[in-house]
Protein backbone atom coordinates (compact mmCIF):
# COMPACT_ATOMS: atom_id res chain seq x y z
CA MET A 1 0.15 -0.40 -0.11
CA ASP A 2 1.41 3.42 -1.41
CA LYS A 3 2.12 6.37 1.57
CA ILE A 4 0.53 9.45 1.24
CA THR A 5 1.83 13.17 2.50
CA VAL A 6 -0.99 15.77 3.59
CA LEU A 7 -0.29 18.96 1.87
CA MET A 8 -0.98 22.27 4.65
CA SER A 9 -0.31 25.79 4.80
CA VAL A 10 -0.93 27.76 7.37
CA TYR A 11 -1.43 31.83 7.62
CA LYS A 12 -1.40 34.62 10.14
CA ASN A 13 -4.97 35.02 9.40
CA GLU A 14 -5.66 31.71 9.83
CA ASN A 15 -8.87 31.15 13.04
CA PRO A 16 -7.21 27.80 15.34
CA ASP A 17 -10.52 26.72 16.15
CA TYR A 18 -11.07 26.44 12.40
CA PHE A 19 -7.20 25.06 12.18
CA ARG A 20 -7.66 23.02 15.27
CA THR A 21 -10.70 21.32 13.74
CA ALA A 22 -8.62 20.67 10.20
CA MET A 23 -5.59 19.15 11.64
CA ASP A 24 -7.98 16.57 13.69
CA SER A 25 -10.54 15.67 11.16
CA ILE A 26 -6.68 14.52 8.78
CA LEU A 27 -6.18 13.02 12.13
CA ASN A 28 -9.49 11.05 12.16
CA GLN A 29 -8.75 9.84 8.83
CA THR A 30 -9.55 5.73 8.45
CA LEU A 31 -6.43 5.73 6.24
CA GLN A 32 -4.18 7.19 7.82
CA PRO A 33 -1.47 9.26 6.36
CA ASP A 34 2.60 8.75 6.33
CA GLU A 35 3.49 12.71 7.04
CA ILE A 36 1.76 15.47 6.98
CA ILE A 37 3.51 18.69 5.83
CA LEU A 38 2.41 22.26 7.84
CA ILE A 39 4.19 25.39 6.03
CA ARG A 40 3.78 28.03 8.59
CA ASP A 41 3.70 31.31 5.54
CA GLY A 42 4.99 34.02 7.67
CA GLU A 43 4.80 34.63 10.90
CA VAL A 44 1.29 33.83 13.03
CA PRO A 45 -0.42 35.09 15.80
CA GLN A 46 0.72 33.41 19.36
CA GLU A 47 -2.35 31.91 19.65
CA LEU A 48 -2.09 30.42 16.36
CA GLN A 49 0.86 29.09 17.50
CA ALA A 50 0.23 28.03 20.41
CA VAL A 51 -2.46 25.71 18.75
CA ILE A 52 0.26 24.81 15.65
CA ASN A 53 2.76 23.55 18.10
CA LYS A 54 1.22 21.40 20.49
CA TYR A 55 0.70 18.98 16.56
CA ILE A 56 3.28 19.43 15.29
CA CYS A 57 6.25 17.41 18.47
CA ASP A 58 4.99 14.34 16.95
CA LYS A 59 8.05 14.47 14.69
CA ARG A 60 6.73 10.81 12.90
CA THR A 61 3.86 12.53 11.75
CA PHE A 62 4.72 16.21 11.09
CA THR A 63 7.36 17.70 9.16
CA TYR A 64 7.22 21.81 10.01
CA ILE A 65 7.56 24.31 7.89
CA PRO A 66 7.99 27.77 9.26
CA LEU A 67 8.68 30.10 6.14
CA ASN A 68 10.38 33.33 7.87
CA GLU A 69 8.08 35.66 5.14
CA ASN A 70 4.56 34.94 3.75
CA LYS A 71 5.02 34.17 -0.03
CA GLY A 72 1.64 33.50 -0.62
CA LEU A 73 -0.06 29.51 -1.02
CA GLY A 74 1.58 28.73 -4.40
CA ASN A 75 5.33 29.51 -2.58
CA ALA A 76 4.99 27.62 0.61
CA LEU A 77 2.72 24.34 -1.92
CA ARG A 78 5.98 24.22 -4.08
CA ILE A 79 7.82 23.70 -1.43
CA GLY A 80 5.61 21.18 0.02
CA VAL A 81 5.87 19.53 -2.36
CA GLU A 82 9.19 18.95 -2.85
CA ARG A 83 10.42 18.55 1.13
CA SER A 84 7.79 15.28 0.47
CA ARG A 85 9.01 11.56 1.70
CA ASN A 86 6.36 10.04 -0.37
CA GLU A 87 4.70 10.20 -3.76
CA LEU A 88 1.20 10.19 -3.05
CA ILE A 89 -0.36 13.99 -1.77
CA ALA A 90 -3.48 15.24 -0.87
CA ARG A 91 -3.44 18.48 -0.98
CA MET A 92 -6.20 20.01 2.63
CA ASP A 93 -6.98 23.78 3.06
CA THR A 94 -6.82 24.75 7.26
CA ASP A 95 -9.72 26.05 7.48
CA ASP A 96 -12.20 22.86 6.04
CA ILE A 97 -12.62 19.72 7.39
CA ALA A 98 -12.07 16.60 5.15
CA VAL A 99 -14.88 13.71 5.37
CA GLU A 100 -13.12 10.23 7.51
CA ARG A 101 -13.24 8.17 3.98
CA ARG A 102 -11.31 10.97 1.90
CA LEU A 103 -8.15 9.49 1.48
CA ALA A 104 -8.64 5.16 2.00
CA LEU A 105 -11.41 6.52 -1.17
CA GLN A 106 -8.81 8.23 -3.25
CA LEU A 107 -5.88 6.09 -2.56
CA ASP A 108 -8.19 3.01 -4.09
CA ALA A 109 -9.33 5.06 -6.53
CA PHE A 110 -4.76 5.20 -7.72
CA GLU A 111 -4.37 1.38 -7.32
CA LYS A 112 -6.97 -0.20 -9.28
CA ASP A 113 -5.65 2.90 -11.77
CA PRO A 114 -2.23 3.36 -11.42
CA LYS A 115 -2.23 5.01 -14.91
CA LEU A 116 -4.02 8.55 -12.82
CA ALA A 117 -1.88 11.45 -12.09
CA LEU A 118 -4.56 13.71 -9.80
CA VAL A 119 -8.32 12.58 -8.23
CA GLY A 120 -10.49 14.81 -7.08
CA GLY A 121 -13.84 14.81 -5.85
CA GLN A 122 -16.68 16.73 -4.81
CA ILE A 123 -17.20 19.31 -2.20
CA ILE A 124 -19.41 21.25 0.10
CA GLU A 125 -19.57 24.07 1.09
CA PHE A 126 -21.05 26.09 4.71
CA GLU A 127 -20.62 29.34 6.45
CA GLU A 128 -20.85 28.95 10.35
CA SER A 129 -21.57 24.27 10.41
CA PRO A 130 -20.84 21.42 7.94
CA ASP A 131 -24.56 21.70 9.41
CA ASN A 132 -26.26 24.68 7.19
CA PRO A 133 -24.95 23.97 4.46
CA THR A 134 -24.49 26.35 1.58
CA GLY A 135 -24.22 24.31 -1.32
CA LYS A 136 -22.41 22.18 -3.82
CA ARG A 137 -19.74 22.44 -5.87
CA MET A 138 -19.88 19.44 -8.32
CA VAL A 139 -16.76 18.80 -11.28
CA PRO A 140 -16.64 16.27 -13.74
CA VAL A 141 -15.69 12.52 -12.61
CA HIS A 142 -14.48 11.09 -15.97
CA HIS A 143 -11.50 12.06 -18.06
CA GLN A 144 -12.27 13.82 -20.87
CA ASP A 145 -15.20 15.67 -19.84
CA ILE A 146 -12.64 16.40 -17.46
CA LEU A 147 -10.26 18.24 -19.92
CA GLN A 148 -13.65 19.62 -21.51
CA PHE A 149 -14.49 21.65 -18.30
CA MET A 150 -11.05 22.47 -17.73
CA ARG A 151 -12.10 25.41 -20.93
CA THR A 152 -13.07 27.06 -19.51
CA ARG A 153 -12.74 26.44 -14.94
CA SER A 154 -10.79 24.95 -12.86
CA PRO A 155 -11.96 20.97 -13.13
CA PHE A 156 -10.19 20.23 -9.66
CA ASN A 157 -12.05 20.95 -6.25
CA HIS A 158 -8.14 22.54 -5.28
CA VAL A 159 -8.74 21.54 -0.81
CA SER A 160 -9.47 17.69 -2.56
CA VAL A 161 -7.20 16.76 -4.94
CA MET A 162 -4.29 13.92 -4.17
CA PHE A 163 -1.53 13.43 -6.77
CA ARG A 164 1.29 11.49 -7.88
CA LYS A 165 4.46 13.96 -6.70
CA SER A 166 7.17 12.68 -9.56
CA SER A 167 4.05 13.94 -12.67
CA VAL A 168 3.44 17.35 -10.73
CA LEU A 169 6.86 18.12 -10.62
CA ASN A 170 7.54 17.01 -14.99
CA ALA A 171 4.73 19.54 -14.84
CA GLY A 172 6.93 22.16 -13.39
CA ASN A 173 5.07 22.56 -9.94
CA TYR A 174 3.46 25.35 -8.34
CA LYS A 175 3.97 28.69 -10.44
CA PRO A 176 3.38 31.94 -9.15
CA LEU A 177 -0.08 32.98 -10.63
CA TYR A 178 -2.42 34.78 -8.28
CA TYR A 179 -5.00 32.93 -7.35
CA LEU A 180 -4.29 30.59 -9.82
CA GLU A 181 -1.29 28.32 -8.57
CA ASP A 182 -3.97 25.37 -8.85
CA TYR A 183 -5.54 25.40 -12.01
CA TYR A 184 -2.66 26.45 -14.38
CA LEU A 185 -1.16 23.82 -12.39
CA TRP A 186 -4.12 21.50 -13.55
CA CYS A 187 -3.58 22.65 -17.22
CA ARG A 188 -0.56 22.21 -17.72
CA MET A 189 -0.09 18.67 -16.67
CA ALA A 190 -3.27 18.25 -18.79
CA LEU A 191 -1.15 20.11 -22.02
CA ASP A 192 1.46 17.11 -20.68
CA GLY A 193 -1.18 13.97 -21.03
CA TYR A 194 -1.86 13.35 -17.17
CA LYS A 195 -4.47 10.61 -16.44
CA PHE A 196 -7.27 12.88 -14.55
CA SER A 197 -10.27 11.68 -12.20
CA ASN A 198 -12.32 13.45 -9.61
CA LEU A 199 -15.11 10.87 -7.72
CA SER A 200 -18.12 10.94 -7.27
CA ASP A 201 -18.10 11.19 -3.72
CA THR A 202 -17.79 14.50 -1.37
CA LEU A 203 -14.11 14.37 -0.10
CA ALA A 204 -14.48 17.47 1.64
CA TYR A 205 -16.32 19.92 3.98
CA VAL A 206 -15.11 23.70 3.17
CA ARG A 207 -15.99 27.15 4.95
CA VAL A 208 -17.16 30.34 2.55
CA GLY A 209 -18.23 32.61 2.61
CA SER A 210 -17.63 37.08 2.18
CA GLU A 211 -14.04 37.13 1.79
CA MET A 212 -14.28 34.57 -0.69
CA TYR A 213 -16.41 36.28 -2.76
CA HIS A 214 -14.36 39.03 -2.25
CA ARG A 215 -11.09 37.25 -3.54
CA ARG A 216 -12.61 36.54 -6.23
CA GLY A 217 -12.79 39.62 -7.16
CA GLY A 218 -10.73 42.98 -8.93
CA TYR A 219 -8.32 43.85 -10.64
CA LYS A 220 -5.30 42.31 -9.07
CA TYR A 221 -7.27 38.61 -9.79
CA PHE A 222 -8.69 39.60 -13.32
CA LYS A 223 -4.78 40.58 -14.39
CA SER A 224 -3.98 36.52 -13.56
CA TRP A 225 -7.51 34.92 -14.68
CA LYS A 226 -5.95 37.03 -18.25
CA GLN A 227 -2.90 35.48 -17.86
CA LEU A 228 -4.71 31.84 -17.79
CA GLU A 229 -6.58 32.63 -20.18
CA LYS A 230 -4.00 33.85 -22.61
CA TYR A 231 -1.84 30.05 -21.92
CA LYS A 232 -4.69 28.45 -22.37
CA TYR A 233 -5.41 29.77 -26.31
CA ARG A 234 -2.13 29.86 -26.67
CA HIS A 235 -1.81 26.30 -26.23
CA ASN A 236 -4.86 25.79 -28.22
CA MET A 237 -7.46 24.80 -24.89
CA THR A 238 -9.47 27.41 -26.49
CA ASN A 239 -10.38 29.54 -29.09
CA ILE A 240 -10.48 32.45 -30.16
CA TRP A 241 -14.14 33.00 -29.43
CA GLN A 242 -13.99 30.99 -26.25
CA TYR A 243 -11.15 33.68 -24.72
CA MET A 244 -12.95 36.38 -25.70
CA ILE A 245 -15.90 36.01 -24.53
CA THR A 246 -14.24 33.96 -20.97
CA LEU A 247 -12.58 37.61 -20.95
CA GLY A 248 -15.70 39.60 -21.32
CA ALA A 249 -17.91 37.76 -18.61
CA ARG A 250 -15.08 37.50 -15.75
CA PHE A 251 -14.55 40.79 -16.12
CA SER A 252 -17.76 41.81 -15.62
CA VAL A 253 -18.36 39.87 -13.00
CA GLN A 254 -14.62 40.45 -11.42
CA VAL A 255 -13.41 44.09 -11.72
CA LEU A 256 -16.81 45.53 -12.90
CA MET A 257 -19.92 43.92 -10.22
CA PRO A 258 -20.38 43.96 -6.52
CA ASN A 259 -18.90 42.01 -3.97
CA LYS A 260 -21.95 41.23 -2.51
CA ILE A 261 -23.91 40.68 -5.87
CA ARG A 262 -21.07 37.98 -7.25
CA GLY A 263 -20.86 36.45 -4.27
CA TRP A 264 -24.78 35.59 -4.77
CA LEU A 265 -25.16 34.35 -8.31
CA PHE A 266 -21.59 31.87 -7.05
CA ARG A 267 -24.54 31.16 -4.91
CA LYS A 268 -26.61 30.49 -7.17
CA PHE A 269 -25.00 29.66 -10.92
CA GLY A 270 -22.01 28.39 -9.94
CA ARG A 271 -23.31 25.62 -6.51
CA ASN A 272 -25.64 22.33 -7.15
CA PRO A 273 -28.19 22.63 -4.25
CA VAL A 274 -27.62 20.40 -1.22
C-alpha cells in the first residue's frame, strides 16, 4: 500500500479553532497519512502558534516548515511538494473538514488505475456549520469530461485533490499566479498528457463567506485570469471566441460587479443545491 503525505499551509489570518478542526479531521481518517507537511507561511499570532505547537510535537508524522516571510500559497505548496517523502500527496486547507474516508477513497482510486496522476472529488460549502450547507461544487468525474470542463473553469476542487509528486514536478510544480496557481498547474499537466479523475463522493466540507467572494474579485485577480486565458489560448486549449467571451464575462463579474452580487451569483448559478 502506498504511503500518503498530506500537504497544508497556514498563515496569520487562520482561525485557531478552524485550524484545530481541520487538523483533527486528517488525524481521524480511517486511513492514516504517513506524513503531514505543515508550511507556516510567515509569522502567525501567538494563539495560533500555540495550537500549531501542540500538533507538530509528533515528529514522526509532522514535517513542519516555518517560513519567515509570507510569500503566498503557491510558493508554500511548491516547497511542500519538493519536501514530501511520499509519491502520493493530498492537499488540504487549514480551515476545512475532510470526510473520514477521504484518503482511503482516493488511494483506492490510484490502486485501481495506476495511470492516474490526480484524483479529486466533490465538496460541500458552508458558512457557520457543516450542518447548514450553502451549496455543493460539482466537478466532472471522467477524464475527457474533465478536459472539456477545463476549457472554461477549474475542473478540480483544489482542497480535495490527491496527486502524484512526480507528475506535478514534471509539469513544473506550483508556479506563481495570483489565486490561480492550482488551475495553472492542472492546465500544464493536461498538456503533458496526464490522466485525471474526480470521485463522485464528497471529500471535504469547505468554509466560505464574504471574504472568499471578495478574493474572487478585483482587477489584480482579473489580470491573473487574463494571463491564464492567454496561456490556454496559445496552447490550443480554447479558441479565439472562447478566449474573448470568457475574458469579457470575467471582467464583468470580477471587476465591475459589487461583492455582494458576485457572491449571490456564485451561490445561485455556480453551485448545486445540497
